[in-house]
All heavy atoms as atom14 arrays in JSON, in Angstrom:
{
  "sequence": "PLNSEKVNKENGDGDVKVPKGVKVGVVESKFVCTLEELYRGCKKKLK",
  "atom14_mask": [
    [1, 1, 1, 1, 1, 1, 1, 0, 0, 0, 0, 0, 0, 0],
    [1, 1, 1, 1, 1, 1, 1, 1, 0, 0, 0, 0, 0, 0],
    [1, 1, 1, 1, 1, 1, 1, 1, 0, 0, 0, 0, 0, 0],
    [1, 1, 1, 1, 1, 1, 0, 0, 0, 0, 0, 0, 0, 0],
    [1, 1, 1, 1, 1, 1, 1, 1, 1, 0, 0, 0, 0, 0],
    [1, 1, 1, 1, 1, 1, 1, 1, 1, 0, 0, 0, 0, 0],
    [1, 1, 1, 1, 1, 1, 1, 0, 0, 0, 0, 0, 0, 0],
    [1, 1, 1, 1, 1, 1, 1, 1, 0, 0, 0, 0, 0, 0],
    [1, 1, 1, 1, 1, 1, 1, 1, 1, 0, 0, 0, 0, 0],
    [1, 1, 1, 1, 1, 1, 1, 1, 1, 0, 0, 0, 0, 0],
    [1, 1, 1, 1, 1, 1, 1, 1, 0, 0, 0, 0, 0, 0],
    [1, 1, 1, 1, 0, 0, 0, 0, 0, 0, 0, 0, 0, 0],
    [1, 1, 1, 1, 1, 1, 1, 1, 0, 0, 0, 0, 0, 0],
    [1, 1, 1, 1, 0, 0, 0, 0, 0, 0, 0, 0, 0, 0],
    [1, 1, 1, 1, 1, 1, 1, 1, 0, 0, 0, 0, 0, 0],
    [1, 1, 1, 1, 1, 1, 1, 0, 0, 0, 0, 0, 0, 0],
    [1, 1, 1, 1, 1, 1, 1, 1, 1, 0, 0, 0, 0, 0],
    [1, 1, 1, 1, 1, 1, 1, 0, 0, 0, 0, 0, 0, 0],
    [1, 1, 1, 1, 1, 1, 1, 0, 0, 0, 0, 0, 0, 0],
    [1, 1, 1, 1, 1, 1, 1, 1, 1, 0, 0, 0, 0, 0],
    [1, 1, 1, 1, 0, 0, 0, 0, 0, 0, 0, 0, 0, 0],
    [1, 1, 1, 1, 1, 1, 1, 0, 0, 0, 0, 0, 0, 0],
    [1, 1, 1, 1, 1, 1, 1, 1, 1, 0, 0, 0, 0, 0],
    [1, 1, 1, 1, 1, 1, 1, 0, 0, 0, 0, 0, 0, 0],
    [1, 1, 1, 1, 0, 0, 0, 0, 0, 0, 0, 0, 0, 0],
    [1, 1, 1, 1, 1, 1, 1, 0, 0, 0, 0, 0, 0, 0],
    [1, 1, 1, 1, 1, 1, 1, 0, 0, 0, 0, 0, 0, 0],
    [1, 1, 1, 1, 1, 1, 1, 1, 1, 0, 0, 0, 0, 0],
    [1, 1, 1, 1, 1, 1, 0, 0, 0, 0, 0, 0, 0, 0],
    [1, 1, 1, 1, 1, 1, 1, 1, 1, 0, 0, 0, 0, 0],
    [1, 1, 1, 1, 1, 1, 1, 1, 1, 1, 1, 0, 0, 0],
    [1, 1, 1, 1, 1, 1, 1, 0, 0, 0, 0, 0, 0, 0],
    [1, 1, 1, 1, 1, 1, 0, 0, 0, 0, 0, 0, 0, 0],
    [1, 1, 1, 1, 1, 1, 1, 0, 0, 0, 0, 0, 0, 0],
    [1, 1, 1, 1, 1, 1, 1, 1, 0, 0, 0, 0, 0, 0],
    [1, 1, 1, 1, 1, 1, 1, 1, 1, 0, 0, 0, 0, 0],
    [1, 1, 1, 1, 1, 1, 1, 1, 1, 0, 0, 0, 0, 0],
    [1, 1, 1, 1, 1, 1, 1, 1, 0, 0, 0, 0, 0, 0],
    [1, 1, 1, 1, 1, 1, 1, 1, 1, 1, 1, 1, 0, 0],
    [1, 1, 1, 1, 1, 1, 1, 1, 1, 1, 1, 0, 0, 0],
    [1, 1, 1, 1, 0, 0, 0, 0, 0, 0, 0, 0, 0, 0],
    [1, 1, 1, 1, 1, 1, 0, 0, 0, 0, 0, 0, 0, 0],
    [1, 1, 1, 1, 1, 1, 1, 1, 1, 0, 0, 0, 0, 0],
    [1, 1, 1, 1, 1, 1, 1, 1, 1, 0, 0, 0, 0, 0],
    [1, 1, 1, 1, 1, 1, 1, 1, 1, 0, 0, 0, 0, 0],
    [1, 1, 1, 1, 1, 1, 1, 1, 0, 0, 0, 0, 0, 0],
    [1, 1, 1, 1, 1, 1, 1, 1, 1, 0, 0, 0, 0, 0]
  ],
  "atom14_positions": [
    [[0.78, -1.2, 0.0], [-0.02, -0.02, -0.05], [0.86, 1.31, -0.04], [0.73, 2.01, 0.92], [-0.77, -0.14, 1.27], [0.11, -0.8, 2.14], [0.88, -1.8, 1.31], [0.0, 0.0, 0.0], [0.0, 0.0, 0.0], [0.0, 0.0, 0.0], [0.0, 0.0, 0.0], [0.0, 0.0, 0.0], [0.0, 0.0, 0.0], [0.0, 0.0, 0.0]],
    [[1.63, 1.42, -1.12], [2.43, 2.6, -1.16], [1.59, 3.79, -1.57], [1.73, 4.96, -1.14], [3.58, 2.48, -2.09], [4.78, 1.69, -1.52], [5.77, 1.39, -2.66], [5.47, 2.38, -0.37], [0.0, 0.0, 0.0], [0.0, 0.0, 0.0], [0.0, 0.0, 0.0], [0.0, 0.0, 0.0], [0.0, 0.0, 0.0], [0.0, 0.0, 0.0]],
    [[0.78, 3.55, -2.59], [-0.01, 4.75, -3.31], [-1.42, 4.81, -2.7], [-2.44, 4.86, -3.51], [-0.02, 4.62, -4.78], [1.39, 4.64, -5.32], [2.14, 5.38, -4.86], [1.72, 3.84, -6.26], [0.0, 0.0, 0.0], [0.0, 0.0, 0.0], [0.0, 0.0, 0.0], [0.0, 0.0, 0.0], [0.0, 0.0, 0.0], [0.0, 0.0, 0.0]],
    [[-1.61, 4.86, -1.36], [-2.93, 4.93, -0.87], [-3.52, 6.29, -1.13], [-2.88, 7.23, -1.32], [-2.96, 4.72, 0.73], [-2.35, 5.79, 1.34], [0.0, 0.0, 0.0], [0.0, 0.0, 0.0], [0.0, 0.0, 0.0], [0.0, 0.0, 0.0], [0.0, 0.0, 0.0], [0.0, 0.0, 0.0], [0.0, 0.0, 0.0], [0.0, 0.0, 0.0]],
    [[-4.91, 6.32, -1.15], [-5.47, 7.52, -1.46], [-5.17, 8.61, -0.41], [-5.07, 9.82, -0.66], [-7.07, 7.44, -1.49], [-7.49, 6.57, -2.77], [-8.9, 6.41, -2.83], [-9.72, 7.09, -2.03], [-9.47, 5.8, -3.78], [0.0, 0.0, 0.0], [0.0, 0.0, 0.0], [0.0, 0.0, 0.0], [0.0, 0.0, 0.0], [0.0, 0.0, 0.0]],
    [[-5.04, 8.2, 0.88], [-4.77, 9.1, 1.99], [-3.48, 9.81, 1.69], [-3.46, 10.95, 1.88], [-4.74, 8.23, 3.27], [-4.61, 9.2, 4.47], [-4.57, 8.25, 5.77], [-5.83, 7.44, 5.85], [-5.81, 6.64, 7.08], [0.0, 0.0, 0.0], [0.0, 0.0, 0.0], [0.0, 0.0, 0.0], [0.0, 0.0, 0.0], [0.0, 0.0, 0.0]],
    [[-2.44, 9.09, 1.31], [-1.1, 9.81, 1.03], [-1.23, 10.6, -0.12], [-0.73, 11.67, -0.15], [0.02, 8.71, 0.93], [1.36, 9.39, 0.66], [0.1, 7.94, 2.26], [0.0, 0.0, 0.0], [0.0, 0.0, 0.0], [0.0, 0.0, 0.0], [0.0, 0.0, 0.0], [0.0, 0.0, 0.0], [0.0, 0.0, 0.0], [0.0, 0.0, 0.0]],
    [[-1.86, 10.11, -1.27], [-1.89, 10.92, -2.46], [-2.58, 12.25, -2.3], [-2.2, 13.23, -2.84], [-2.57, 10.03, -3.51], [-1.76, 8.89, -4.07], [-0.52, 8.84, -3.87], [-2.32, 7.96, -4.65], [0.0, 0.0, 0.0], [0.0, 0.0, 0.0], [0.0, 0.0, 0.0], [0.0, 0.0, 0.0], [0.0, 0.0, 0.0], [0.0, 0.0, 0.0]],
    [[-3.75, 12.26, -1.5], [-4.42, 13.44, -1.39], [-3.63, 14.34, -0.47], [-3.78, 15.58, -0.8], [-5.86, 13.05, -0.64], [-6.9, 12.36, -1.56], [-8.08, 12.01, -0.75], [-9.05, 11.22, -1.8], [-10.32, 10.92, -1.0], [0.0, 0.0, 0.0], [0.0, 0.0, 0.0], [0.0, 0.0, 0.0], [0.0, 0.0, 0.0], [0.0, 0.0, 0.0]],
    [[-2.99, 13.94, 0.56], [-2.24, 14.84, 1.32], [-1.05, 15.41, 0.5], [-0.75, 16.64, 0.65], [-1.72, 14.14, 2.6], [-2.85, 13.76, 3.52], [-2.31, 13.13, 4.75], [-1.12, 13.01, 4.88], [-3.11, 12.79, 5.56], [0.0, 0.0, 0.0], [0.0, 0.0, 0.0], [0.0, 0.0, 0.0], [0.0, 0.0, 0.0], [0.0, 0.0, 0.0]],
    [[-0.42, 14.7, -0.4], [0.66, 15.28, -1.21], [0.25, 15.97, -2.3], [1.04, 16.81, -2.82], [1.64, 14.03, -1.59], [2.3, 13.44, -0.31], [2.6, 14.04, 0.58], [2.49, 12.13, -0.39], [0.0, 0.0, 0.0], [0.0, 0.0, 0.0], [0.0, 0.0, 0.0], [0.0, 0.0, 0.0], [0.0, 0.0, 0.0], [0.0, 0.0, 0.0]],
    [[-0.89, 15.58, -2.9], [-1.41, 16.35, -4.02], [-0.93, 15.93, -5.32], [-1.49, 16.17, -6.41], [0.0, 0.0, 0.0], [0.0, 0.0, 0.0], [0.0, 0.0, 0.0], [0.0, 0.0, 0.0], [0.0, 0.0, 0.0], [0.0, 0.0, 0.0], [0.0, 0.0, 0.0], [0.0, 0.0, 0.0], [0.0, 0.0, 0.0], [0.0, 0.0, 0.0]],
    [[0.29, 15.29, -5.43], [0.92, 15.06, -6.73], [0.99, 13.6, -6.98], [1.66, 13.15, -8.02], [2.24, 15.75, -6.78], [3.18, 15.28, -5.57], [2.75, 14.31, -4.85], [4.36, 15.74, -5.55], [0.0, 0.0, 0.0], [0.0, 0.0, 0.0], [0.0, 0.0, 0.0], [0.0, 0.0, 0.0], [0.0, 0.0, 0.0], [0.0, 0.0, 0.0]],
    [[0.58, 12.7, -6.07], [0.66, 11.25, -6.2], [1.94, 10.69, -5.94], [1.97, 9.44, -5.87], [0.0, 0.0, 0.0], [0.0, 0.0, 0.0], [0.0, 0.0, 0.0], [0.0, 0.0, 0.0], [0.0, 0.0, 0.0], [0.0, 0.0, 0.0], [0.0, 0.0, 0.0], [0.0, 0.0, 0.0], [0.0, 0.0, 0.0], [0.0, 0.0, 0.0]],
    [[2.9, 11.41, -5.63], [4.18, 10.88, -5.13], [4.1, 10.55, -3.65], [3.39, 11.09, -2.95], [5.26, 11.87, -5.36], [5.59, 12.09, -6.85], [5.32, 11.24, -7.6], [6.02, 13.31, -7.25], [0.0, 0.0, 0.0], [0.0, 0.0, 0.0], [0.0, 0.0, 0.0], [0.0, 0.0, 0.0], [0.0, 0.0, 0.0], [0.0, 0.0, 0.0]],
    [[4.79, 9.58, -3.32], [4.67, 9.05, -1.97], [5.88, 9.74, -1.01], [7.01, 9.49, -1.23], [4.93, 7.56, -1.85], [4.84, 7.12, -0.26], [3.79, 6.87, -2.56], [0.0, 0.0, 0.0], [0.0, 0.0, 0.0], [0.0, 0.0, 0.0], [0.0, 0.0, 0.0], [0.0, 0.0, 0.0], [0.0, 0.0, 0.0], [0.0, 0.0, 0.0]],
    [[5.44, 10.61, -0.16], [6.35, 11.27, 0.77], [5.75, 11.05, 2.12], [4.51, 11.19, 2.35], [6.53, 12.77, 0.49], [6.84, 13.15, -0.92], [6.67, 14.5, -1.27], [6.9, 14.8, -2.63], [6.6, 16.17, -3.08], [0.0, 0.0, 0.0], [0.0, 0.0, 0.0], [0.0, 0.0, 0.0], [0.0, 0.0, 0.0], [0.0, 0.0, 0.0]],
    [[6.5, 10.52, 3.03], [5.96, 10.17, 4.32], [6.54, 11.05, 5.47], [7.58, 10.71, 6.1], [6.29, 8.71, 4.66], [5.38, 8.27, 5.89], [5.94, 7.9, 3.37], [0.0, 0.0, 0.0], [0.0, 0.0, 0.0], [0.0, 0.0, 0.0], [0.0, 0.0, 0.0], [0.0, 0.0, 0.0], [0.0, 0.0, 0.0], [0.0, 0.0, 0.0]],
    [[5.93, 12.24, 5.75], [6.42, 13.0, 6.84], [5.98, 12.36, 8.15], [5.18, 11.39, 8.16], [5.66, 14.26, 6.65], [4.45, 13.99, 5.85], [4.85, 12.84, 4.95], [0.0, 0.0, 0.0], [0.0, 0.0, 0.0], [0.0, 0.0, 0.0], [0.0, 0.0, 0.0], [0.0, 0.0, 0.0], [0.0, 0.0, 0.0], [0.0, 0.0, 0.0]],
    [[6.43, 12.75, 9.22], [6.25, 12.09, 10.49], [4.7, 12.18, 10.91], [4.0, 13.12, 10.72], [6.97, 12.96, 11.68], [6.82, 12.27, 13.05], [7.68, 13.0, 14.04], [7.65, 12.35, 15.42], [8.48, 13.03, 16.45], [0.0, 0.0, 0.0], [0.0, 0.0, 0.0], [0.0, 0.0, 0.0], [0.0, 0.0, 0.0], [0.0, 0.0, 0.0]],
    [[4.24, 10.94, 11.27], [2.84, 10.79, 11.65], [1.81, 10.41, 10.54], [0.71, 10.22, 10.81], [0.0, 0.0, 0.0], [0.0, 0.0, 0.0], [0.0, 0.0, 0.0], [0.0, 0.0, 0.0], [0.0, 0.0, 0.0], [0.0, 0.0, 0.0], [0.0, 0.0, 0.0], [0.0, 0.0, 0.0], [0.0, 0.0, 0.0], [0.0, 0.0, 0.0]],
    [[2.3, 10.5, 9.25], [1.4, 10.19, 8.13], [1.45, 8.7, 7.9], [2.55, 8.01, 7.92], [1.87, 10.93, 6.88], [1.05, 10.44, 5.69], [1.72, 12.48, 7.08], [0.0, 0.0, 0.0], [0.0, 0.0, 0.0], [0.0, 0.0, 0.0], [0.0, 0.0, 0.0], [0.0, 0.0, 0.0], [0.0, 0.0, 0.0], [0.0, 0.0, 0.0]],
    [[0.27, 8.02, 7.74], [0.27, 6.68, 7.43], [0.86, 6.37, 6.04], [0.53, 7.06, 5.09], [-1.19, 6.19, 7.56], [-1.83, 6.25, 8.93], [-3.19, 5.77, 8.87], [-3.85, 6.02, 10.24], [-3.25, 5.35, 11.36], [0.0, 0.0, 0.0], [0.0, 0.0, 0.0], [0.0, 0.0, 0.0], [0.0, 0.0, 0.0], [0.0, 0.0, 0.0]],
    [[1.61, 5.26, 5.96], [2.04, 4.8, 4.58], [0.89, 4.29, 3.77], [0.78, 4.54, 2.59], [2.99, 3.77, 4.82], [3.51, 3.17, 3.4], [4.35, 4.21, 5.42], [0.0, 0.0, 0.0], [0.0, 0.0, 0.0], [0.0, 0.0, 0.0], [0.0, 0.0, 0.0], [0.0, 0.0, 0.0], [0.0, 0.0, 0.0], [0.0, 0.0, 0.0]],
    [[-0.13, 3.74, 4.37], [-1.19, 3.21, 3.58], [-2.12, 2.31, 4.43], [-2.17, 2.37, 5.54], [0.0, 0.0, 0.0], [0.0, 0.0, 0.0], [0.0, 0.0, 0.0], [0.0, 0.0, 0.0], [0.0, 0.0, 0.0], [0.0, 0.0, 0.0], [0.0, 0.0, 0.0], [0.0, 0.0, 0.0], [0.0, 0.0, 0.0], [0.0, 0.0, 0.0]],
    [[-2.79, 1.39, 3.79], [-3.53, 0.39, 4.42], [-3.27, -0.91, 3.79], [-2.84, -1.15, 2.77], [-5.07, 0.73, 4.17], [-5.48, 2.1, 4.71], [-5.38, 0.7, 2.64], [0.0, 0.0, 0.0], [0.0, 0.0, 0.0], [0.0, 0.0, 0.0], [0.0, 0.0, 0.0], [0.0, 0.0, 0.0], [0.0, 0.0, 0.0], [0.0, 0.0, 0.0]],
    [[-3.61, -1.91, 4.68], [-3.43, -3.34, 4.32], [-4.82, -3.92, 4.26], [-5.49, -3.94, 5.25], [-2.58, -4.13, 5.23], [-2.46, -5.65, 4.82], [-1.18, -3.42, 5.18], [0.0, 0.0, 0.0], [0.0, 0.0, 0.0], [0.0, 0.0, 0.0], [0.0, 0.0, 0.0], [0.0, 0.0, 0.0], [0.0, 0.0, 0.0], [0.0, 0.0, 0.0]],
    [[-5.2, -4.49, 3.06], [-6.67, -5.11, 2.92], [-6.48, -6.56, 2.86], [-5.57, -7.04, 2.22], [-7.27, -4.47, 1.76], [-7.76, -3.04, 1.79], [-8.54, -2.52, 0.77], [-8.98, -3.41, -0.14], [-9.07, -1.45, 0.76], [0.0, 0.0, 0.0], [0.0, 0.0, 0.0], [0.0, 0.0, 0.0], [0.0, 0.0, 0.0], [0.0, 0.0, 0.0]],
    [[-7.44, -7.2, 3.35], [-7.47, -8.65, 3.38], [-8.92, -9.19, 3.2], [-9.74, -8.58, 3.78], [-6.77, -9.25, 4.53], [-6.68, -10.65, 4.5], [0.0, 0.0, 0.0], [0.0, 0.0, 0.0], [0.0, 0.0, 0.0], [0.0, 0.0, 0.0], [0.0, 0.0, 0.0], [0.0, 0.0, 0.0], [0.0, 0.0, 0.0], [0.0, 0.0, 0.0]],
    [[-9.13, -10.31, 2.54], [-10.5, -10.8, 2.36], [-10.93, -11.42, 3.71], [-10.2, -11.97, 4.48], [-10.56, -11.91, 1.33], [-10.63, -11.3, -0.14], [-10.75, -12.52, -1.1], [-10.79, -11.95, -2.56], [-11.0, -13.12, -3.5], [0.0, 0.0, 0.0], [0.0, 0.0, 0.0], [0.0, 0.0, 0.0], [0.0, 0.0, 0.0], [0.0, 0.0, 0.0]],
    [[-12.2, -11.29, 3.99], [-12.82, -11.87, 5.17], [-14.11, -12.6, 4.73], [-15.04, -12.06, 4.43], [-13.18, -10.91, 6.15], [-13.63, -11.31, 7.59], [-12.83, -11.88, 8.36], [-14.99, -11.21, 7.89], [-13.21, -12.37, 9.6], [-15.41, -11.67, 9.16], [-14.55, -12.24, 9.97], [0.0, 0.0, 0.0], [0.0, 0.0, 0.0], [0.0, 0.0, 0.0]],
    [[-13.95, -13.92, 4.56], [-14.96, -14.81, 3.93], [-15.96, -15.07, 5.14], [-15.77, -15.63, 6.15], [-14.34, -16.03, 3.39], [-15.54, -16.91, 2.81], [-13.28, -15.71, 2.36], [0.0, 0.0, 0.0], [0.0, 0.0, 0.0], [0.0, 0.0, 0.0], [0.0, 0.0, 0.0], [0.0, 0.0, 0.0], [0.0, 0.0, 0.0], [0.0, 0.0, 0.0]],
    [[-17.28, -14.89, 4.63], [-18.48, -15.17, 5.56], [-19.36, -16.17, 4.76], [-19.53, -16.01, 3.54], [-19.23, -14.0, 5.89], [-18.19, -12.79, 6.91], [0.0, 0.0, 0.0], [0.0, 0.0, 0.0], [0.0, 0.0, 0.0], [0.0, 0.0, 0.0], [0.0, 0.0, 0.0], [0.0, 0.0, 0.0], [0.0, 0.0, 0.0], [0.0, 0.0, 0.0]],
    [[-20.1, -16.99, 5.44], [-21.18, -17.78, 4.79], [-22.39, -16.82, 4.64], [-22.58, -15.79, 5.21], [-21.52, -18.94, 5.6], [-22.12, -18.6, 6.85], [-20.28, -19.8, 5.83], [0.0, 0.0, 0.0], [0.0, 0.0, 0.0], [0.0, 0.0, 0.0], [0.0, 0.0, 0.0], [0.0, 0.0, 0.0], [0.0, 0.0, 0.0], [0.0, 0.0, 0.0]],
    [[-23.26, -17.32, 3.78], [-24.52, -16.51, 3.63], [-25.45, -16.57, 4.82], [-26.12, -15.59, 5.14], [-25.29, -17.12, 2.37], [-26.43, -16.26, 1.83], [-25.89, -14.91, 1.35], [-27.12, -16.94, 0.63], [0.0, 0.0, 0.0], [0.0, 0.0, 0.0], [0.0, 0.0, 0.0], [0.0, 0.0, 0.0], [0.0, 0.0, 0.0], [0.0, 0.0, 0.0]],
    [[-25.3, -17.7, 5.52], [-25.99, -17.64, 6.88], [-25.46, -16.71, 7.84], [-26.23, -15.97, 8.52], [-25.91, -19.15, 7.49], [-26.71, -20.25, 6.77], [-25.9, -20.8, 5.63], [-24.91, -20.42, 5.27], [-26.44, -21.89, 5.17], [0.0, 0.0, 0.0], [0.0, 0.0, 0.0], [0.0, 0.0, 0.0], [0.0, 0.0, 0.0], [0.0, 0.0, 0.0]],
    [[-24.2, -16.55, 7.85], [-23.6, -15.52, 8.87], [-23.94, -14.06, 8.41], [-24.32, -13.24, 9.32], [-22.03, -15.72, 8.88], [-21.55, -16.84, 9.51], [-20.08, -17.21, 9.32], [-19.54, -16.67, 8.27], [-19.49, -17.93, 10.13], [0.0, 0.0, 0.0], [0.0, 0.0, 0.0], [0.0, 0.0, 0.0], [0.0, 0.0, 0.0], [0.0, 0.0, 0.0]],
    [[-24.08, -13.9, 7.08], [-24.5, -12.51, 6.61], [-26.0, -12.3, 6.78], [-26.43, -11.17, 6.89], [-24.05, -12.33, 5.12], [-22.58, -12.33, 4.95], [-22.25, -12.3, 3.34], [-21.84, -11.16, 5.58], [0.0, 0.0, 0.0], [0.0, 0.0, 0.0], [0.0, 0.0, 0.0], [0.0, 0.0, 0.0], [0.0, 0.0, 0.0], [0.0, 0.0, 0.0]],
    [[-26.73, -13.35, 6.86], [-28.19, -13.22, 7.15], [-28.54, -12.98, 8.61], [-29.19, -12.06, 8.96], [-28.85, -14.52, 6.67], [-30.35, -14.4, 6.76], [-31.22, -14.03, 5.63], [-31.01, -14.87, 7.97], [-32.52, -14.07, 5.82], [-32.44, -14.85, 8.08], [-33.17, -14.37, 7.0], [-34.47, -14.44, 7.09], [0.0, 0.0, 0.0], [0.0, 0.0, 0.0]],
    [[-27.89, -13.7, 9.44], [-28.25, -13.58, 10.85], [-27.31, -12.58, 11.57], [-27.74, -11.98, 12.55], [-27.98, -14.96, 11.63], [-28.92, -15.98, 11.18], [-28.73, -17.24, 12.04], [-27.42, -17.84, 11.86], [-27.06, -19.02, 11.31], [-27.99, -19.7, 10.73], [-25.9, -19.4, 11.33], [0.0, 0.0, 0.0], [0.0, 0.0, 0.0], [0.0, 0.0, 0.0]],
    [[-26.15, -12.35, 11.01], [-25.17, -11.56, 11.74], [-24.48, -12.45, 12.81], [-25.01, -13.53, 13.24], [0.0, 0.0, 0.0], [0.0, 0.0, 0.0], [0.0, 0.0, 0.0], [0.0, 0.0, 0.0], [0.0, 0.0, 0.0], [0.0, 0.0, 0.0], [0.0, 0.0, 0.0], [0.0, 0.0, 0.0], [0.0, 0.0, 0.0], [0.0, 0.0, 0.0]],
    [[-23.21, -12.14, 13.15], [-22.48, -12.99, 14.11], [-21.3, -12.19, 14.56], [-20.98, -11.1, 14.07], [-22.08, -14.26, 13.4], [-20.91, -14.08, 12.05], [0.0, 0.0, 0.0], [0.0, 0.0, 0.0], [0.0, 0.0, 0.0], [0.0, 0.0, 0.0], [0.0, 0.0, 0.0], [0.0, 0.0, 0.0], [0.0, 0.0, 0.0], [0.0, 0.0, 0.0]],
    [[-20.63, -12.75, 15.59], [-19.4, -12.26, 16.15], [-18.34, -13.17, 15.86], [-18.46, -14.37, 16.16], [-19.53, -11.85, 17.64], [-20.65, -10.86, 17.99], [-20.79, -10.6, 19.47], [-21.88, -9.57, 19.77], [-21.72, -8.31, 19.22], [0.0, 0.0, 0.0], [0.0, 0.0, 0.0], [0.0, 0.0, 0.0], [0.0, 0.0, 0.0], [0.0, 0.0, 0.0]],
    [[-17.11, -12.68, 15.37], [-15.98, -13.53, 15.11], [-14.79, -12.92, 15.8], [-14.62, -11.74, 15.96], [-15.76, -13.66, 13.65], [-16.84, -14.52, 12.92], [-16.36, -14.91, 11.52], [-17.27, -15.9, 10.85], [-16.64, -16.35, 9.59], [0.0, 0.0, 0.0], [0.0, 0.0, 0.0], [0.0, 0.0, 0.0], [0.0, 0.0, 0.0], [0.0, 0.0, 0.0]],
    [[-13.8, -13.87, 16.06], [-12.48, -13.56, 16.58], [-11.48, -13.89, 15.51], [-11.59, -14.98, 14.93], [-12.2, -14.11, 17.91], [-13.12, -13.65, 19.07], [-12.77, -14.33, 20.29], [-13.63, -13.77, 21.46], [-13.33, -14.44, 22.72], [0.0, 0.0, 0.0], [0.0, 0.0, 0.0], [0.0, 0.0, 0.0], [0.0, 0.0, 0.0], [0.0, 0.0, 0.0]],
    [[-10.52, -12.9, 15.41], [-9.44, -13.15, 14.41], [-8.12, -12.82, 14.87], [-7.9, -11.78, 15.48], [-9.77, -12.3, 13.07], [-8.91, -12.66, 11.88], [-9.23, -14.04, 11.33], [-9.27, -11.6, 10.77], [0.0, 0.0, 0.0], [0.0, 0.0, 0.0], [0.0, 0.0, 0.0], [0.0, 0.0, 0.0], [0.0, 0.0, 0.0], [0.0, 0.0, 0.0]],
    [[-7.28, -13.79, 14.85], [-5.78, -13.61, 15.34], [-5.06, -12.99, 14.32], [-4.94, -13.55, 13.09], [-5.25, -14.86, 15.9], [-3.73, -14.76, 16.52], [-3.16, -16.03, 16.93], [-3.9, -16.56, 18.13], [-3.17, -17.84, 18.66], [0.0, 0.0, 0.0], [0.0, 0.0, 0.0], [0.0, 0.0, 0.0], [0.0, 0.0, 0.0], [0.0, 0.0, 0.0]]
  ]
}
């Protein structure tokens, strides 16, 4: 996640510059649910 929208918007030019306190980006990962879980709702724990 070098070219996150957050960084691009703050820099304005699309280049990645990371001043102190600015997030480099985000890490996304799939979270698979069954249709039953999405119907009823549920609580899950993830390590």
